[in-house]
Amino acid sequence: MTAETINAAASGTWKLGDLTVNRLGFGAMRLTGSADFDLGVPSDRERSISVLRRAVELGVNHIDTAAFYFSSLRSANELINRALSPYPDDLVIVTKVGPGRDPSGEWLPWATPEQLRGQVEENLRQLGRDHLDVVNLRLNGPGSLAEHFGALAELRDAGLVRHLGISNVGPAHLAEAQAIAPVVCVQNRYGLGTGHEDSDEVLRACGEQGIAFGPFFAIAGEGGAFGASTDGGENGQGSAVLAVARAHGATEAQVRLAWTLHQGPHMLAIPGTGNPDHLVENVAAGALRLSSEELARLGSVHHG
């Protein structure tokens, strides 16, 4: 694959409410130098900024982030602000609320409905925006989301948020949220070999209702606490993925991304990286077309 010439538009488009995005997006978690929210070695600031700018040059217009994506010296939201503000008109920034960390990096108790406004405002401050394009409510268990999602619906009505989504949810959560306010996207753990029955059911329901599905950990499968897909993982389903990759002159990570996008026109991909070469490879995966035979072979791996 001649990755350098491939634009994210090759992945096709989908709508988050009234916002059209290319289906190959970018996850910002790894920009800070931390994949697991430790406060270790921070990323190189200028390299992270250059990766963001290069992503936009390559047609990426959907960035997934959160205020709790930070390491000792780096904040993903502030890197996005520094790199891309004033923002392109077509750039859609999706963030999430629910989890929170104190300034030292320690996890706070999950936000109460009353605390969600403060989390939304923190994202607004860091990003330098007066409204957020899409906010996903990340759940922390199987209980009802009604109070939390209702609080976000009020913020949407107040103009702080344009569209709402949900994350880490089961089928009942989607129905519950839809009864309160329109859901434009769902983010669940999903990838080749790492889906489970609930996520498969949610994926189908999203397709039936025209809701975008954004999987996290789509390249590497398991790992990390929250957020976007991890970078460059080839923790394999081994021979099947490798054989398809070799047939296309692609990497295993590219095949995993392509497989993800083939799961439905409403499927988005948000691979994250702080590496400019991996960025180019990830974007190029949006142009990789798998045959029905290849999809069947990979599908048998996925369903085990």
C-alpha atoms as a PDB file:
ATOM      1  CA  MET A   1       0.000   0.000   0.000  1.00  0.00           C
ATOM      2  CA  THR A   2       1.330   3.451  -0.909  1.00  0.00           C
ATOM      3  CA  ALA A   3       0.294   4.860   2.429  1.00  0.00           C
ATOM      4  CA  GLU A   4       1.650   8.355   1.916  1.00  0.00           C
ATOM      5  CA  THR A   5      -0.860   9.150  -0.815  1.00  0.00           C
ATOM      6  CA  ILE A   6      -3.958   7.908   0.999  1.00  0.00           C
ATOM      7  CA  ASN A   7      -6.417  10.338   2.573  1.00  0.00           C
ATOM      8  CA  ALA A   8      -8.866   9.522   5.369  1.00  0.00           C
ATOM      9  CA  ALA A   9     -11.677  10.218   2.897  1.00  0.00           C
ATOM     10  CA  ALA A  10     -10.882   6.796   1.389  1.00  0.00           C
ATOM     11  CA  SER A  11     -12.606   5.240   4.408  1.00  0.00           C
ATOM     12  CA  GLY A  12     -15.965   6.753   3.453  1.00  0.00           C
ATOM     13  CA  THR A  13     -18.130   9.000   5.604  1.00  0.00           C
ATOM     14  CA  TRP A  14     -20.794   8.770   8.280  1.00  0.00           C
ATOM     15  CA  LYS A  15     -22.806  11.344  10.205  1.00  0.00           C
ATOM     16  CA  LEU A  16     -22.675  12.132  13.882  1.00  0.00           C
ATOM     17  CA  GLY A  17     -26.028  13.845  13.999  1.00  0.00           C
ATOM     18  CA  ASP A  18     -25.638  16.621  11.420  1.00  0.00           C
ATOM     19  CA  LEU A  19     -21.821  16.416  11.435  1.00  0.00           C
ATOM     20  CA  THR A  20     -20.217  14.439   8.598  1.00  0.00           C
ATOM     21  CA  VAL A  21     -16.935  12.712   9.430  1.00  0.00           C
ATOM     22  CA  ASN A  22     -14.550  10.441   7.602  1.00  0.00           C
ATOM     23  CA  ARG A  23     -14.847   6.963   9.084  1.00  0.00           C
ATOM     24  CA  LEU A  24     -11.119   6.811   9.841  1.00  0.00           C
ATOM     25  CA  GLY A  25     -10.520   9.167  12.756  1.00  0.00           C
ATOM     26  CA  PHE A  26      -7.899   9.658  15.455  1.00  0.00           C
ATOM     27  CA  GLY A  27      -7.772   8.826  19.153  1.00  0.00           C
ATOM     28  CA  ALA A  28      -5.807  11.329  21.243  1.00  0.00           C
ATOM     29  CA  MET A  29      -5.039   9.298  24.358  1.00  0.00           C
ATOM     30  CA  ARG A  30      -1.541   8.242  23.335  1.00  0.00           C
ATOM     31  CA  LEU A  31      -0.447  11.777  22.462  1.00  0.00           C
ATOM     32  CA  THR A  32       0.460  12.389  26.098  1.00  0.00           C
ATOM     33  CA  GLY A  33       2.999   9.563  26.197  1.00  0.00           C
ATOM     34  CA  SER A  34       0.851   7.441  28.497  1.00  0.00           C
ATOM     35  CA  ALA A  35      -1.282   4.533  27.377  1.00  0.00           C
ATOM     36  CA  ASP A  36      -2.371   3.535  30.863  1.00  0.00           C
ATOM     37  CA  PHE A  37      -2.705   6.912  32.581  1.00  0.00           C
ATOM     38  CA  ASP A  38       0.532   6.642  34.491  1.00  0.00           C
ATOM     39  CA  LEU A  39       2.562   9.813  35.033  1.00  0.00           C
ATOM     40  CA  GLY A  40       5.763   8.476  33.538  1.00  0.00           C
ATOM     41  CA  VAL A  41       7.797   9.846  30.655  1.00  0.00           C
ATOM     42  CA  PRO A  42       5.788  12.527  28.836  1.00  0.00           C
ATOM     43  CA  SER A  43       5.580  12.608  25.064  1.00  0.00           C
ATOM     44  CA  ASP A  44       7.636  14.984  22.958  1.00  0.00           C
ATOM     45  CA  ARG A  45       5.418  18.069  22.731  1.00  0.00           C
ATOM     46  CA  GLU A  46       6.393  19.163  19.238  1.00  0.00           C
ATOM     47  CA  ARG A  47       6.096  15.647  17.855  1.00  0.00           C
ATOM     48  CA  SER A  48       2.602  15.269  19.303  1.00  0.00           C
ATOM     49  CA  ILE A  49       1.591  18.607  17.794  1.00  0.00           C
ATOM     50  CA  SER A  50       3.025  17.600  14.419  1.00  0.00           C
ATOM     51  CA  VAL A  51       1.118  14.287  14.516  1.00  0.00           C
ATOM     52  CA  LEU A  52      -2.157  16.151  15.061  1.00  0.00           C
ATOM     53  CA  ARG A  53      -1.469  18.588  12.243  1.00  0.00           C
ATOM     54  CA  ARG A  54      -0.455  15.752   9.930  1.00  0.00           C
ATOM     55  CA  ALA A  55      -3.647  13.878  10.770  1.00  0.00           C
ATOM     56  CA  VAL A  56      -5.731  16.834   9.623  1.00  0.00           C
ATOM     57  CA  GLU A  57      -3.598  17.151   6.478  1.00  0.00           C
ATOM     58  CA  LEU A  58      -4.405  13.491   5.777  1.00  0.00           C
ATOM     59  CA  GLY A  59      -8.136  14.187   5.947  1.00  0.00           C
ATOM     60  CA  VAL A  60      -8.830  13.156   9.533  1.00  0.00           C
ATOM     61  CA  ASN A  61     -11.776  15.254  10.716  1.00  0.00           C
ATOM     62  CA  HIS A  62     -12.891  13.217  13.744  1.00  0.00           C
ATOM     63  CA  ILE A  63     -10.741  13.326  16.894  1.00  0.00           C
ATOM     64  CA  ASP A  64     -11.620  11.447  20.067  1.00  0.00           C
ATOM     65  CA  THR A  65     -10.301  12.879  23.336  1.00  0.00           C
ATOM     66  CA  ALA A  66     -11.074  13.521  27.018  1.00  0.00           C
ATOM     67  CA  ALA A  67      -9.995  15.886  29.780  1.00  0.00           C
ATOM     68  CA  PHE A  68      -8.660  12.896  31.746  1.00  0.00           C
ATOM     69  CA  TYR A  69      -6.185  12.047  28.962  1.00  0.00           C
ATOM     70  CA  PHE A  70      -3.061  13.511  30.523  1.00  0.00           C
ATOM     71  CA  SER A  71       0.373  12.527  31.765  1.00  0.00           C
ATOM     72  CA  SER A  72       2.807  14.412  33.995  1.00  0.00           C
ATOM     73  CA  LEU A  73       3.423  17.274  31.528  1.00  0.00           C
ATOM     74  CA  ARG A  74       0.971  16.712  28.696  1.00  0.00           C
ATOM     75  CA  SER A  75      -2.780  17.129  28.258  1.00  0.00           C
ATOM     76  CA  ALA A  76      -4.346  15.694  25.120  1.00  0.00           C
ATOM     77  CA  ASN A  77      -6.955  18.453  24.948  1.00  0.00           C
ATOM     78  CA  GLU A  78      -4.363  21.202  25.323  1.00  0.00           C
ATOM     79  CA  LEU A  79      -2.166  19.603  22.644  1.00  0.00           C
ATOM     80  CA  ILE A  80      -5.193  19.544  20.319  1.00  0.00           C
ATOM     81  CA  ASN A  81      -5.882  23.210  21.089  1.00  0.00           C
ATOM     82  CA  ARG A  82      -2.268  24.200  20.488  1.00  0.00           C
ATOM     83  CA  ALA A  83      -1.955  22.202  17.271  1.00  0.00           C
ATOM     84  CA  LEU A  84      -5.276  22.866  15.581  1.00  0.00           C
ATOM     85  CA  SER A  85      -6.856  26.073  16.902  1.00  0.00           C
ATOM     86  CA  PRO A  86      -8.381  27.959  15.175  1.00  0.00           C
ATOM     87  CA  TYR A  87     -10.116  24.721  14.288  1.00  0.00           C
ATOM     88  CA  PRO A  88     -11.006  23.734  10.717  1.00  0.00           C
ATOM     89  CA  ASP A  89     -14.734  24.121  10.043  1.00  0.00           C
ATOM     90  CA  ASP A  90     -15.169  20.415   9.324  1.00  0.00           C
ATOM     91  CA  LEU A  91     -13.252  19.116  12.363  1.00  0.00           C
ATOM     92  CA  VAL A  92     -15.427  17.204  14.848  1.00  0.00           C
ATOM     93  CA  ILE A  93     -14.005  16.756  18.341  1.00  0.00           C
ATOM     94  CA  VAL A  94     -15.622  14.027  20.426  1.00  0.00           C
ATOM     95  CA  THR A  95     -14.926  13.913  24.155  1.00  0.00           C
ATOM     96  CA  LYS A  96     -16.204  11.877  27.068  1.00  0.00           C
ATOM     97  CA  VAL A  97     -17.259  12.454  30.649  1.00  0.00           C
ATOM     98  CA  GLY A  98     -17.913  10.285  33.678  1.00  0.00           C
ATOM     99  CA  PRO A  99     -14.367   9.340  34.714  1.00  0.00           C
ATOM    100  CA  GLY A 100     -12.164  12.013  36.250  1.00  0.00           C
ATOM    101  CA  ARG A 101      -8.678  12.441  37.698  1.00  0.00           C
ATOM    102  CA  ASP A 102      -7.286  14.937  40.173  1.00  0.00           C
ATOM    103  CA  PRO A 103      -4.280  17.115  39.198  1.00  0.00           C
ATOM    104  CA  SER A 104      -1.851  14.501  40.516  1.00  0.00           C
ATOM    105  CA  GLY A 105      -3.377  11.911  38.199  1.00  0.00           C
ATOM    106  CA  GLU A 106      -5.254   9.887  40.813  1.00  0.00           C
ATOM    107  CA  TRP A 107      -8.674   8.629  39.750  1.00  0.00           C
ATOM    108  CA  LEU A 108     -11.624  10.371  41.353  1.00  0.00           C
ATOM    109  CA  PRO A 109     -14.951   8.704  42.141  1.00  0.00           C
ATOM    110  CA  TRP A 110     -17.142   8.515  39.042  1.00  0.00           C
ATOM    111  CA  ALA A 111     -18.899  11.816  38.435  1.00  0.00           C
ATOM    112  CA  THR A 112     -22.352  12.361  39.838  1.00  0.00           C
ATOM    113  CA  PRO A 113     -24.992  13.825  37.489  1.00  0.00           C
ATOM    114  CA  GLU A 114     -24.404  17.221  39.140  1.00  0.00           C
ATOM    115  CA  GLN A 115     -20.653  17.042  38.445  1.00  0.00           C
ATOM    116  CA  LEU A 116     -20.994  16.426  34.702  1.00  0.00           C
ATOM    117  CA  ARG A 117     -21.361  20.135  33.942  1.00  0.00           C
ATOM    118  CA  GLY A 118     -17.969  20.792  35.537  1.00  0.00           C
ATOM    119  CA  GLN A 119     -16.422  18.027  33.422  1.00  0.00           C
ATOM    120  CA  VAL A 120     -17.964  19.459  30.260  1.00  0.00           C
ATOM    121  CA  GLU A 121     -16.693  22.924  31.174  1.00  0.00           C
ATOM    122  CA  GLU A 122     -13.187  21.555  31.809  1.00  0.00           C
ATOM    123  CA  ASN A 123     -13.148  20.113  28.282  1.00  0.00           C
ATOM    124  CA  LEU A 124     -14.359  23.451  26.915  1.00  0.00           C
ATOM    125  CA  ARG A 125     -11.582  25.339  28.741  1.00  0.00           C
ATOM    126  CA  GLN A 126      -8.831  22.996  27.631  1.00  0.00           C
ATOM    127  CA  LEU A 127     -10.001  22.852  24.022  1.00  0.00           C
ATOM    128  CA  GLY A 128     -10.733  26.570  23.815  1.00  0.00           C
ATOM    129  CA  ARG A 129     -14.285  25.996  22.619  1.00  0.00           C
ATOM    130  CA  ASP A 130     -17.622  27.492  23.571  1.00  0.00           C
ATOM    131  CA  HIS A 131     -19.447  24.251  22.840  1.00  0.00           C
ATOM    132  CA  LEU A 132     -18.517  20.586  22.397  1.00  0.00           C
ATOM    133  CA  ASP A 133     -19.435  18.786  19.175  1.00  0.00           C
ATOM    134  CA  VAL A 134     -20.152  15.401  20.776  1.00  0.00           C
ATOM    135  CA  VAL A 135     -19.953  14.275  24.398  1.00  0.00           C
ATOM    136  CA  ASN A 136     -20.039  10.591  25.289  1.00  0.00           C
ATOM    137  CA  LEU A 137     -21.216   9.530  28.721  1.00  0.00           C
ATOM    138  CA  ARG A 138     -18.928   6.714  29.831  1.00  0.00           C
ATOM    139  CA  LEU A 139     -20.643   4.285  32.172  1.00  0.00           C
ATOM    140  CA  ASN A 140     -19.118   2.502  35.119  1.00  0.00           C
ATOM    141  CA  GLY A 141     -21.311  -0.553  35.463  1.00  0.00           C
ATOM    142  CA  PRO A 142     -24.666  -2.037  34.486  1.00  0.00           C
ATOM    143  CA  GLY A 143     -26.945   0.365  36.354  1.00  0.00           C
ATOM    144  CA  SER A 144     -29.302   2.968  34.916  1.00  0.00           C
ATOM    145  CA  LEU A 145     -27.830   5.909  33.014  1.00  0.00           C
ATOM    146  CA  ALA A 146     -31.018   7.987  33.146  1.00  0.00           C
ATOM    147  CA  GLU A 147     -29.912  10.625  35.678  1.00  0.00           C
ATOM    148  CA  HIS A 148     -26.487  11.126  34.130  1.00  0.00           C
ATOM    149  CA  PHE A 149     -27.709  11.162  30.549  1.00  0.00           C
ATOM    150  CA  GLY A 150     -30.570  13.440  31.506  1.00  0.00           C
ATOM    151  CA  ALA A 151     -28.050  15.892  32.970  1.00  0.00           C
ATOM    152  CA  LEU A 152     -26.123  15.868  29.689  1.00  0.00           C
ATOM    153  CA  ALA A 153     -29.355  16.389  27.757  1.00  0.00           C
ATOM    154  CA  GLU A 154     -29.893  19.553  29.817  1.00  0.00           C
ATOM    155  CA  LEU A 155     -26.412  20.769  28.875  1.00  0.00           C
ATOM    156  CA  ARG A 156     -27.250  20.076  25.246  1.00  0.00           C
ATOM    157  CA  ASP A 157     -30.423  22.136  25.583  1.00  0.00           C
ATOM    158  CA  ALA A 158     -28.307  24.917  27.153  1.00  0.00           C
ATOM    159  CA  GLY A 159     -26.021  24.978  24.103  1.00  0.00           C
ATOM    160  CA  LEU A 160     -22.846  23.639  25.760  1.00  0.00           C
ATOM    161  CA  VAL A 161     -23.072  20.358  23.862  1.00  0.00           C
ATOM    162  CA  ARG A 162     -24.256  19.743  20.317  1.00  0.00           C
ATOM    163  CA  HIS A 163     -24.718  15.958  20.272  1.00  0.00           C
ATOM    164  CA  LEU A 164     -24.643  13.116  22.791  1.00  0.00           C
ATOM    165  CA  GLY A 165     -23.255   9.604  22.824  1.00  0.00           C
ATOM    166  CA  ILE A 166     -22.676   6.785  25.301  1.00  0.00           C
ATOM    167  CA  SER A 167     -19.741   4.496  26.043  1.00  0.00           C
ATOM    168  CA  ASN A 168     -19.130   1.130  27.715  1.00  0.00           C
ATOM    169  CA  VAL A 169     -22.793   0.191  27.455  1.00  0.00           C
ATOM    170  CA  GLY A 170     -25.124  -2.724  26.874  1.00  0.00           C
ATOM    171  CA  PRO A 171     -28.234  -2.895  24.662  1.00  0.00           C
ATOM    172  CA  ALA A 172     -30.578  -1.804  27.461  1.00  0.00           C
ATOM    173  CA  HIS A 173     -28.509   1.342  28.021  1.00  0.00           C
ATOM    174  CA  LEU A 174     -28.899   2.352  24.386  1.00  0.00           C
ATOM    175  CA  ALA A 175     -32.668   2.035  24.562  1.00  0.00           C
ATOM    176  CA  GLU A 176     -32.759   3.910  27.867  1.00  0.00           C
ATOM    177  CA  ALA A 177     -30.666   6.780  26.500  1.00  0.00           C
ATOM    178  CA  GLN A 178     -32.623   7.030  23.247  1.00  0.00           C
ATOM    179  CA  ALA A 179     -35.793   7.533  25.266  1.00  0.00           C
ATOM    180  CA  ILE A 180     -34.204  10.624  26.875  1.00  0.00           C
ATOM    181  CA  ALA A 181     -32.356  12.298  23.979  1.00  0.00           C
ATOM    182  CA  PRO A 182     -30.963  11.305  20.570  1.00  0.00           C
ATOM    183  CA  VAL A 183     -27.776   9.215  20.677  1.00  0.00           C
ATOM    184  CA  VAL A 184     -25.419   9.864  17.738  1.00  0.00           C
ATOM    185  CA  CYS A 185     -22.658   7.406  18.665  1.00  0.00           C
ATOM    186  CA  VAL A 186     -21.718   4.529  20.906  1.00  0.00           C
ATOM    187  CA  GLN A 187     -18.159   3.708  21.988  1.00  0.00           C
ATOM    188  CA  ASN A 188     -17.563   0.177  23.204  1.00  0.00           C
ATOM    189  CA  ARG A 189     -14.585  -2.137  23.376  1.00  0.00           C
ATOM    190  CA  TYR A 190     -14.546  -3.944  20.051  1.00  0.00           C
ATOM    191  CA  GLY A 191     -11.927  -5.379  17.746  1.00  0.00           C
ATOM    192  CA  LEU A 192     -11.014  -8.486  15.828  1.00  0.00           C
ATOM    193  CA  GLY A 193     -11.215 -11.308  18.353  1.00  0.00           C
ATOM    194  CA  THR A 194     -12.172  -9.058  21.269  1.00  0.00           C
ATOM    195  CA  GLY A 195     -15.874  -8.410  20.758  1.00  0.00           C
ATOM    196  CA  HIS A 196     -18.413 -10.023  23.034  1.00  0.00           C
ATOM    197  CA  GLU A 197     -22.102 -10.745  22.807  1.00  0.00           C
ATOM    198  CA  ASP A 198     -23.263  -7.425  24.262  1.00  0.00           C
ATOM    199  CA  SER A 199     -21.053  -5.381  21.942  1.00  0.00           C
ATOM    200  CA  ASP A 200     -22.154  -7.429  18.923  1.00  0.00           C
ATOM    201  CA  GLU A 201     -25.777  -6.753  19.862  1.00  0.00           C
ATOM    202  CA  VAL A 202     -25.121  -3.039  20.413  1.00  0.00           C
ATOM    203  CA  LEU A 203     -23.282  -2.869  17.073  1.00  0.00           C
ATOM    204  CA  ARG A 204     -26.313  -4.354  15.305  1.00  0.00           C
ATOM    205  CA  ALA A 205     -28.733  -2.043  17.110  1.00  0.00           C
ATOM    206  CA  CYS A 206     -26.648   0.986  16.159  1.00  0.00           C
ATOM    207  CA  GLY A 207     -26.689  -0.056  12.515  1.00  0.00           C
ATOM    208  CA  GLU A 208     -30.464  -0.469  12.569  1.00  0.00           C
ATOM    209  CA  GLN A 209     -30.921   2.988  14.129  1.00  0.00           C
ATOM    210  CA  GLY A 210     -28.318   4.860  12.081  1.00  0.00           C
ATOM    211  CA  ILE A 211     -26.058   5.436  15.085  1.00  0.00           C
ATOM    212  CA  ALA A 212     -22.277   5.504  14.703  1.00  0.00           C
ATOM    213  CA  PHE A 213     -20.265   2.829  16.520  1.00  0.00           C
ATOM    214  CA  GLY A 214     -16.729   3.795  17.542  1.00  0.00           C
ATOM    215  CA  PRO A 215     -14.707   0.870  18.884  1.00  0.00           C
ATOM    216  CA  PHE A 216     -11.808   1.404  21.237  1.00  0.00           C
ATOM    217  CA  PHE A 217      -8.811  -0.946  21.355  1.00  0.00           C
ATOM    218  CA  ALA A 218      -9.607  -1.976  17.767  1.00  0.00           C
ATOM    219  CA  ILE A 219      -5.969  -2.598  16.877  1.00  0.00           C
ATOM    220  CA  ALA A 220      -4.490  -4.168  19.975  1.00  0.00           C
ATOM    221  CA  GLY A 221      -7.613  -5.598  21.528  1.00  0.00           C
ATOM    222  CA  GLU A 222      -7.205  -5.707  25.295  1.00  0.00           C
ATOM    223  CA  GLY A 223      -5.176  -3.227  27.298  1.00  0.00           C
ATOM    224  CA  GLY A 224      -5.435   0.174  28.913  1.00  0.00           C
ATOM    225  CA  ALA A 225      -8.187   1.560  31.051  1.00  0.00           C
ATOM    226  CA  PHE A 226     -10.334   3.694  28.780  1.00  0.00           C
ATOM    227  CA  GLY A 227     -10.376   5.559  25.530  1.00  0.00           C
ATOM    228  CA  ALA A 228      -9.217   5.202  22.001  1.00  0.00           C
ATOM    229  CA  SER A 229      -7.607   2.349  20.203  1.00  0.00           C
ATOM    230  CA  THR A 230      -4.067   1.507  21.112  1.00  0.00           C
ATOM    231  CA  ASP A 231      -1.227   1.864  18.713  1.00  0.00           C
ATOM    232  CA  GLY A 232       0.441  -0.716  16.530  1.00  0.00           C
ATOM    233  CA  GLY A 233      -0.648  -3.775  18.476  1.00  0.00           C
ATOM    234  CA  GLU A 234      -0.360  -7.100  16.695  1.00  0.00           C
ATOM    235  CA  ASN A 235      -1.260  -9.348  19.596  1.00  0.00           C
ATOM    236  CA  GLY A 236      -2.463 -11.817  17.283  1.00  0.00           C
ATOM    237  CA  GLN A 237      -5.040 -13.960  16.037  1.00  0.00           C
ATOM    238  CA  GLY A 238      -1.814 -14.955  14.348  1.00  0.00           C
ATOM    239  CA  SER A 239      -1.779 -16.717  11.057  1.00  0.00           C
ATOM    240  CA  ALA A 240      -5.117 -15.547   9.629  1.00  0.00           C
ATOM    241  CA  VAL A 241      -4.402 -11.850  10.170  1.00  0.00           C
ATOM    242  CA  LEU A 242      -0.823 -12.214   9.020  1.00  0.00           C
ATOM    243  CA  ALA A 243      -1.811 -14.052   5.845  1.00  0.00           C
ATOM    244  CA  VAL A 244      -4.323 -11.350   4.880  1.00  0.00           C
ATOM    245  CA  ALA A 245      -1.770  -8.650   5.679  1.00  0.00           C
ATOM    246  CA  ARG A 246       0.861 -10.255   3.481  1.00  0.00           C
ATOM    247  CA  ALA A 247      -1.598 -10.639   0.616  1.00  0.00           C
ATOM    248  CA  HIS A 248      -2.203  -6.898   0.656  1.00  0.00           C
ATOM    249  CA  GLY A 249       1.313  -5.749   1.481  1.00  0.00           C
ATOM    250  CA  ALA A 250      -0.165  -4.327   4.663  1.00  0.00           C
ATOM    251  CA  THR A 251       0.546  -4.551   8.380  1.00  0.00           C
ATOM    252  CA  GLU A 252      -1.511  -6.613  10.791  1.00  0.00           C
ATOM    253  CA  ALA A 253      -2.679  -3.396  12.447  1.00  0.00           C
ATOM    254  CA  GLN A 254      -3.985  -2.153   9.085  1.00  0.00           C
ATOM    255  CA  VAL A 255      -5.883  -5.400   8.534  1.00  0.00           C
ATOM    256  CA  ARG A 256      -7.468  -5.102  11.976  1.00  0.00           C
ATOM    257  CA  LEU A 257      -8.584  -1.547  11.224  1.00  0.00           C
ATOM    258  CA  ALA A 258      -9.892  -2.516   7.799  1.00  0.00           C
ATOM    259  CA  TRP A 259     -11.805  -5.451   9.280  1.00  0.00           C
ATOM    260  CA  THR A 260     -13.355  -3.083  11.811  1.00  0.00           C
ATOM    261  CA  LEU A 261     -14.523  -0.688   9.089  1.00  0.00           C
ATOM    262  CA  HIS A 262     -15.995  -3.619   7.134  1.00  0.00           C
ATOM    263  CA  GLN A 263     -18.356  -4.454  10.007  1.00  0.00           C
ATOM    264  CA  GLY A 264     -20.873  -1.871   8.804  1.00  0.00           C
ATOM    265  CA  PRO A 265     -21.095   1.555   7.169  1.00  0.00           C
ATOM    266  CA  HIS A 266     -21.820   3.059  10.596  1.00  0.00           C
ATOM    267  CA  MET A 267     -18.548   1.714  12.041  1.00  0.00           C
ATOM    268  CA  LEU A 268     -15.925   4.363  12.732  1.00  0.00           C
ATOM    269  CA  ALA A 269     -12.284   3.802  13.685  1.00  0.00           C
ATOM    270  CA  ILE A 270     -10.297   5.944  16.126  1.00  0.00           C
ATOM    271  CA  PRO A 271      -6.775   4.489  16.240  1.00  0.00           C
ATOM    272  CA  GLY A 272      -4.396   6.497  18.365  1.00  0.00           C
ATOM    273  CA  THR A 273      -0.676   7.037  18.014  1.00  0.00           C
ATOM    274  CA  GLY A 274       2.078   9.473  18.834  1.00  0.00           C
ATOM    275  CA  ASN A 275       4.157   8.095  15.963  1.00  0.00           C
ATOM    276  CA  PRO A 276       3.930   9.924  12.613  1.00  0.00           C
ATOM    277  CA  ASP A 277       4.696   6.772  10.612  1.00  0.00           C
ATOM    278  CA  HIS A 278       1.989   4.783  12.380  1.00  0.00           C
ATOM    279  CA  LEU A 279      -0.413   7.654  11.737  1.00  0.00           C
ATOM    280  CA  VAL A 280       0.146   7.406   7.992  1.00  0.00           C
ATOM    281  CA  GLU A 281      -0.299   3.621   8.133  1.00  0.00           C
ATOM    282  CA  ASN A 282      -3.501   3.905  10.162  1.00  0.00           C
ATOM    283  CA  VAL A 283      -5.045   6.409   7.754  1.00  0.00           C
ATOM    284  CA  ALA A 284      -4.078   4.217   4.812  1.00  0.00           C
ATOM    285  CA  ALA A 285      -6.024   1.325   6.343  1.00  0.00           C
ATOM    286  CA  GLY A 286      -9.195   3.177   5.406  1.00  0.00           C
ATOM    287  CA  ALA A 287      -8.479   2.349   1.764  1.00  0.00           C
ATOM    288  CA  LEU A 288      -7.854  -1.371   2.370  1.00  0.00           C
ATOM    289  CA  ARG A 289     -10.656  -3.453   0.857  1.00  0.00           C
ATOM    290  CA  LEU A 290     -10.981  -7.040   2.043  1.00  0.00           C
ATOM    291  CA  SER A 291     -12.562  -9.772  -0.080  1.00  0.00           C
ATOM    292  CA  SER A 292     -15.564 -11.771   1.092  1.00  0.00           C
ATOM    293  CA  GLU A 293     -13.264 -14.773   1.523  1.00  0.00           C
ATOM    294  CA  GLU A 294     -10.862 -12.759   3.670  1.00  0.00           C
ATOM    295  CA  LEU A 295     -13.701 -11.373   5.746  1.00  0.00           C
ATOM    296  CA  ALA A 296     -15.041 -14.897   6.263  1.00  0.00           C
ATOM    297  CA  ARG A 297     -11.632 -16.130   7.367  1.00  0.00           C
ATOM    298  CA  LEU A 298     -11.174 -13.251   9.782  1.00  0.00           C
ATOM    299  CA  GLY A 299     -14.767 -13.603  10.940  1.00  0.00           C
ATOM    300  CA  SER A 300     -14.104 -17.191  11.974  1.00  0.00           C
ATOM    301  CA  VAL A 301     -11.167 -15.905  14.046  1.00  0.00           C
ATOM    302  CA  HIS A 302     -13.341 -13.223  15.613  1.00  0.00           C
ATOM    303  CA  HIS A 303     -16.103 -15.591  16.655  1.00  0.00           C
ATOM    304  CA  GLY A 304     -13.551 -18.143  17.761  1.00  0.00           C
END
